[in-house]
C-alpha atoms as a PDB file:
ATOM      1  CA  UNK A   1       0.000   0.000   0.000  1.00  0.00           C
ATOM      2  CA  UNK A   2       1.402   3.387  -1.002  1.00  0.00           C
ATOM      3  CA  UNK A   3       0.525   6.263   1.297  1.00  0.00           C
ATOM      4  CA  UNK A   4       0.732   9.995   0.872  1.00  0.00           C
ATOM      5  CA  UNK A   5       0.772  12.583   3.630  1.00  0.00           C
ATOM      6  CA  UNK A   6      -1.067  15.686   2.451  1.00  0.00           C
ATOM      7  CA  UNK A   7      -0.134  18.822   4.402  1.00  0.00           C
ATOM      8  CA  UNK A   8      -2.754  21.495   3.720  1.00  0.00           C
ATOM      9  CA  UNK A   9      -2.198  25.240   4.114  1.00  0.00           C
ATOM     10  CA  UNK A  10       0.228  25.549   7.004  1.00  0.00           C
ATOM     11  CA  UNK A  11       0.780  29.166   6.069  1.00  0.00           C
ATOM     12  CA  UNK A  12       1.794  32.323   7.913  1.00  0.00           C
ATOM     13  CA  UNK A  13      -1.666  33.933   7.822  1.00  0.00           C
ATOM     14  CA  UNK A  14      -2.912  31.243  10.246  1.00  0.00           C
ATOM     15  CA  UNK A  15      -0.386  32.180  12.963  1.00  0.00           C
ATOM     16  CA  UNK A  16      -0.098  35.084  15.408  1.00  0.00           C
ATOM     17  CA  UNK A  17       0.198  38.326  13.462  1.00  0.00           C
ATOM     18  CA  UNK A  18      -1.453  36.783  10.408  1.00  0.00           C
ATOM     19  CA  UNK A  19      -4.848  37.578   8.929  1.00  0.00           C
ATOM     20  CA  UNK A  20      -6.643  34.498  10.366  1.00  0.00           C
ATOM     21  CA  UNK A  21      -4.863  33.144  13.458  1.00  0.00           C
ATOM     22  CA  UNK A  22      -6.099  29.696  14.475  1.00  0.00           C
ATOM     23  CA  UNK A  23      -6.336  27.707  17.698  1.00  0.00           C
ATOM     24  CA  UNK A  24      -2.936  26.223  18.662  1.00  0.00           C
ATOM     25  CA  UNK A  25      -1.234  26.700  15.285  1.00  0.00           C
ATOM     26  CA  UNK A  26       2.314  26.377  16.680  1.00  0.00           C
ATOM     27  CA  UNK A  27       1.526  23.110  18.454  1.00  0.00           C
ATOM     28  CA  UNK A  28      -0.160  21.744  15.348  1.00  0.00           C
ATOM     29  CA  UNK A  29       2.781  22.790  13.182  1.00  0.00           C
ATOM     30  CA  UNK A  30       5.231  21.036  15.529  1.00  0.00           C
ATOM     31  CA  UNK A  31       3.203  17.819  15.393  1.00  0.00           C
ATOM     32  CA  UNK A  32       3.028  18.005  11.587  1.00  0.00           C
ATOM     33  CA  UNK A  33       6.801  18.516  11.360  1.00  0.00           C
ATOM     34  CA  UNK A  34       7.249  15.383  13.478  1.00  0.00           C
ATOM     35  CA  UNK A  35       4.755  13.470  11.318  1.00  0.00           C
ATOM     36  CA  UNK A  36       6.597  14.468   8.157  1.00  0.00           C
ATOM     37  CA  UNK A  37       9.711  12.863   9.635  1.00  0.00           C
ATOM     38  CA  UNK A  38       7.807   9.669  10.456  1.00  0.00           C
ATOM     39  CA  UNK A  39       6.209   9.620   7.001  1.00  0.00           C
ATOM     40  CA  UNK A  40       9.626  10.009   5.362  1.00  0.00           C
ATOM     41  CA  UNK A  41      11.013   7.160   7.476  1.00  0.00           C
ATOM     42  CA  UNK A  42       8.099   4.945   6.350  1.00  0.00           C
ATOM     43  CA  UNK A  43       8.614   5.822   2.696  1.00  0.00           C
ATOM     44  CA  UNK A  44       5.331   7.724   2.423  1.00  0.00           C
ATOM     45  CA  UNK A  45       4.975  10.462  -0.162  1.00  0.00           C
ATOM     46  CA  UNK A  46       4.652  13.979   1.183  1.00  0.00           C
ATOM     47  CA  UNK A  47       2.701  16.636  -0.674  1.00  0.00           C
ATOM     48  CA  UNK A  48       2.365  20.222   0.475  1.00  0.00           C
ATOM     49  CA  UNK A  49      -0.649  22.355  -0.392  1.00  0.00           C
ATOM     50  CA  UNK A  50      -0.727  26.146  -0.363  1.00  0.00           C
ATOM     51  CA  UNK A  51      -3.794  28.344  -0.698  1.00  0.00           C
ATOM     52  CA  UNK A  52      -3.346  31.472  -2.814  1.00  0.00           C
ATOM     53  CA  UNK A  53      -6.278  33.852  -2.961  1.00  0.00           C
ATOM     54  CA  UNK A  54      -7.578  35.155  -6.245  1.00  0.00           C
ATOM     55  CA  UNK A  55      -8.601  38.394  -4.491  1.00  0.00           C
ATOM     56  CA  UNK A  56      -6.324  41.431  -4.736  1.00  0.00           C
ATOM     57  CA  UNK A  57      -6.375  41.992  -0.949  1.00  0.00           C
ATOM     58  CA  UNK A  58      -6.957  39.967   2.203  1.00  0.00           C
ATOM     59  CA  UNK A  59      -5.546  36.680   3.451  1.00  0.00           C
ATOM     60  CA  UNK A  60      -3.276  34.527   1.263  1.00  0.00           C
ATOM     61  CA  UNK A  61      -2.739  37.122  -1.454  1.00  0.00           C
ATOM     62  CA  UNK A  62      -0.228  35.972  -4.044  1.00  0.00           C
ATOM     63  CA  UNK A  63       3.260  37.186  -3.188  1.00  0.00           C
ATOM     64  CA  UNK A  64       2.403  38.086   0.415  1.00  0.00           C
ATOM     65  CA  UNK A  65       4.281  36.645   3.390  1.00  0.00           C
ATOM     66  CA  UNK A  66       0.913  35.508   4.758  1.00  0.00           C
ATOM     67  CA  UNK A  67       0.536  33.136   1.814  1.00  0.00           C
ATOM     68  CA  UNK A  68       3.952  31.557   2.431  1.00  0.00           C
ATOM     69  CA  UNK A  69       4.130  28.036   3.815  1.00  0.00           C
ATOM     70  CA  UNK A  70       5.810  28.013   7.195  1.00  0.00           C
ATOM     71  CA  UNK A  71       9.568  27.543   7.050  1.00  0.00           C
ATOM     72  CA  UNK A  72       9.563  24.635   9.521  1.00  0.00           C
ATOM     73  CA  UNK A  73       7.218  22.730   7.204  1.00  0.00           C
ATOM     74  CA  UNK A  74       9.334  23.496   4.144  1.00  0.00           C
ATOM     75  CA  UNK A  75      12.493  22.423   5.979  1.00  0.00           C
ATOM     76  CA  UNK A  76      10.934  19.146   7.147  1.00  0.00           C
ATOM     77  CA  UNK A  77       9.366  18.329   3.778  1.00  0.00           C
ATOM     78  CA  UNK A  78      12.465  19.024   1.705  1.00  0.00           C
ATOM     79  CA  UNK A  79      12.089  18.660  -2.028  1.00  0.00           C
ATOM     80  CA  UNK A  80       8.476  17.478  -2.193  1.00  0.00           C
ATOM     81  CA  UNK A  81       5.661  18.505  -4.533  1.00  0.00           C
ATOM     82  CA  UNK A  82       3.816  21.730  -3.796  1.00  0.00           C
ATOM     83  CA  UNK A  83       0.245  22.090  -5.033  1.00  0.00           C
ATOM     84  CA  UNK A  84      -1.199  25.598  -5.200  1.00  0.00           C
ATOM     85  CA  UNK A  85      -4.955  25.853  -4.833  1.00  0.00           C
ATOM     86  CA  UNK A  86      -7.528  28.644  -5.007  1.00  0.00           C
ATOM     87  CA  UNK A  87     -10.470  26.780  -3.451  1.00  0.00           C
ATOM     88  CA  UNK A  88     -11.076  24.859  -0.224  1.00  0.00           C
ATOM     89  CA  UNK A  89     -10.897  21.488  -2.014  1.00  0.00           C
ATOM     90  CA  UNK A  90      -7.209  20.804  -2.724  1.00  0.00           C
ATOM     91  CA  UNK A  91      -8.265  18.721  -5.743  1.00  0.00           C
ATOM     92  CA  UNK A  92     -10.319  21.473  -7.400  1.00  0.00           C
ATOM     93  CA  UNK A  93      -8.521  22.852 -10.457  1.00  0.00           C
ATOM     94  CA  UNK A  94      -5.112  21.575  -9.285  1.00  0.00           C
ATOM     95  CA  UNK A  95      -2.719  18.798 -10.263  1.00  0.00           C
ATOM     96  CA  UNK A  96      -3.188  16.943  -6.950  1.00  0.00           C
ATOM     97  CA  UNK A  97      -4.682  13.868  -8.644  1.00  0.00           C
ATOM     98  CA  UNK A  98      -1.542  13.590 -10.780  1.00  0.00           C
ATOM     99  CA  UNK A  99       0.651  13.815  -7.669  1.00  0.00           C
ATOM    100  CA  UNK A 100      -1.309  10.928  -6.145  1.00  0.00           C
ATOM    101  CA  UNK A 101      -0.785   8.489  -9.028  1.00  0.00           C
ATOM    102  CA  UNK A 102      -0.113   5.058  -7.526  1.00  0.00           C
ATOM    103  CA  UNK A 103      -1.251   6.099  -4.025  1.00  0.00           C
ATOM    104  CA  UNK A 104      -3.892   3.995  -2.291  1.00  0.00           C
ATOM    105  CA  UNK A 105      -4.107   5.791   1.073  1.00  0.00           C
ATOM    106  CA  UNK A 106      -4.309   9.533   1.668  1.00  0.00           C
ATOM    107  CA  UNK A 107      -3.478  10.934   5.093  1.00  0.00           C
ATOM    108  CA  UNK A 108      -4.871  14.467   5.396  1.00  0.00           C
ATOM    109  CA  UNK A 109      -3.474  17.052   7.795  1.00  0.00           C
ATOM    110  CA  UNK A 110      -3.549  20.818   7.997  1.00  0.00           C
ATOM    111  CA  UNK A 111      -5.512  23.988   8.375  1.00  0.00           C
ATOM    112  CA  UNK A 112      -8.525  24.604   8.624  1.00  0.00           C
ATOM    113  CA  UNK A 113     -10.278  21.458   9.833  1.00  0.00           C
ATOM    114  CA  UNK A 114     -13.795  22.724   9.083  1.00  0.00           C
ATOM    115  CA  UNK A 115     -12.949  24.073   5.637  1.00  0.00           C
ATOM    116  CA  UNK A 116     -10.027  22.880   3.517  1.00  0.00           C
ATOM    117  CA  UNK A 117      -9.553  19.594   5.372  1.00  0.00           C
ATOM    118  CA  UNK A 118     -13.279  18.738   5.113  1.00  0.00           C
ATOM    119  CA  UNK A 119     -13.652  19.719   1.448  1.00  0.00           C
ATOM    120  CA  UNK A 120     -10.496  17.851   0.430  1.00  0.00           C
ATOM    121  CA  UNK A 121     -11.416  14.719   2.381  1.00  0.00           C
ATOM    122  CA  UNK A 122     -14.920  14.635   0.913  1.00  0.00           C
ATOM    123  CA  UNK A 123     -13.890  15.526  -2.629  1.00  0.00           C
ATOM    124  CA  UNK A 124     -15.190  13.173  -5.304  1.00  0.00           C
ATOM    125  CA  UNK A 125     -11.644  13.251  -6.687  1.00  0.00           C
ATOM    126  CA  UNK A 126     -10.583  11.253  -3.604  1.00  0.00           C
ATOM    127  CA  UNK A 127     -12.979   8.415  -4.436  1.00  0.00           C
ATOM    128  CA  UNK A 128     -11.013   5.196  -4.704  1.00  0.00           C
ATOM    129  CA  UNK A 129      -8.493   6.232  -2.047  1.00  0.00           C
ATOM    130  CA  UNK A 130      -8.533   5.231   1.585  1.00  0.00           C
ATOM    131  CA  UNK A 131      -8.838   8.684   3.149  1.00  0.00           C
ATOM    132  CA  UNK A 132      -7.847   9.224   6.763  1.00  0.00           C
ATOM    133  CA  UNK A 133      -7.906  12.556   8.550  1.00  0.00           C
ATOM    134  CA  UNK A 134      -5.137  12.751  11.135  1.00  0.00           C
ATOM    135  CA  UNK A 135      -7.111  14.804  13.629  1.00  0.00           C
ATOM    136  CA  UNK A 136      -4.303  15.877  15.936  1.00  0.00           C
ATOM    137  CA  UNK A 137      -2.424  17.218  12.901  1.00  0.00           C
ATOM    138  CA  UNK A 138      -5.224  19.665  12.037  1.00  0.00           C
ATOM    139  CA  UNK A 139      -6.606  22.828  13.594  1.00  0.00           C
ATOM    140  CA  UNK A 140      -9.390  25.388  13.194  1.00  0.00           C
ATOM    141  CA  UNK A 141     -10.283  28.875  14.490  1.00  0.00           C
ATOM    142  CA  UNK A 142     -11.316  27.421  17.858  1.00  0.00           C
ATOM    143  CA  UNK A 143     -11.083  24.086  19.627  1.00  0.00           C
ATOM    144  CA  UNK A 144     -14.870  23.703  19.500  1.00  0.00           C
ATOM    145  CA  UNK A 145     -14.980  24.225  15.717  1.00  0.00           C
ATOM    146  CA  UNK A 146     -12.089  21.753  15.289  1.00  0.00           C
ATOM    147  CA  UNK A 147     -13.782  19.061  17.381  1.00  0.00           C
ATOM    148  CA  UNK A 148     -17.193  19.554  15.731  1.00  0.00           C
ATOM    149  CA  UNK A 149     -15.612  19.226  12.273  1.00  0.00           C
ATOM    150  CA  UNK A 150     -13.730  16.051  13.234  1.00  0.00           C
ATOM    151  CA  UNK A 151     -16.864  14.561  14.744  1.00  0.00           C
ATOM    152  CA  UNK A 152     -18.856  15.298  11.589  1.00  0.00           C
ATOM    153  CA  UNK A 153     -16.080  13.956   9.347  1.00  0.00           C
ATOM    154  CA  UNK A 154     -16.016  10.735  11.364  1.00  0.00           C
ATOM    155  CA  UNK A 155     -19.359   9.735   9.857  1.00  0.00           C
ATOM    156  CA  UNK A 156     -17.901   9.964   6.314  1.00  0.00           C
ATOM    157  CA  UNK A 157     -14.181   9.102   6.531  1.00  0.00           C
ATOM    158  CA  UNK A 158     -11.829   7.610   9.073  1.00  0.00           C
ATOM    159  CA  UNK A 159     -10.442  10.020  11.661  1.00  0.00           C
ATOM    160  CA  UNK A 160      -7.211   8.840  13.280  1.00  0.00           C
ATOM    161  CA  UNK A 161      -4.420  10.220  15.426  1.00  0.00           C
ATOM    162  CA  UNK A 162      -0.762  10.394  14.499  1.00  0.00           C
ATOM    163  CA  UNK A 163      -0.114   7.644  17.070  1.00  0.00           C
ATOM    164  CA  UNK A 164      -2.656   5.415  15.252  1.00  0.00           C
ATOM    165  CA  UNK A 165      -1.075   6.052  11.853  1.00  0.00           C
ATOM    166  CA  UNK A 166       2.561   5.605  12.874  1.00  0.00           C
ATOM    167  CA  UNK A 167       2.101   2.973  15.623  1.00  0.00           C
END
């Protein structure tokens, strides 16, 4: 079974000083960095996703520091594919399907649980893949929103922890 770890939108705008700071972004980032190391050790593919807004102003504007993927993520991931998206679903109008050729299991992590993580996990383009959300490697604006989104996702796809995935 070939797995891919999808790291969605761990970008500066979601951290303190950014346009949309989330609940516990630093802790989530640290856990994702650790998971990237475990995924590498297991031979899993790693794919980074970055949201770039089509709007001229606001969060994630092209060329802004807010749209940049966090340096710790880039350092951990090394030379891995980067998919740029303009919509919540990381598959929509991107080359993500091409990056997943030969993959049977997709591990989804990132920001925001209730938006980009949900829409990517439930995308019809993911049909045929075993999709698992790694819940402790995601975050949202608040803990309550994060937990509600994971609970709702659990009725549609598997929700796991990093400890479950890399036991």
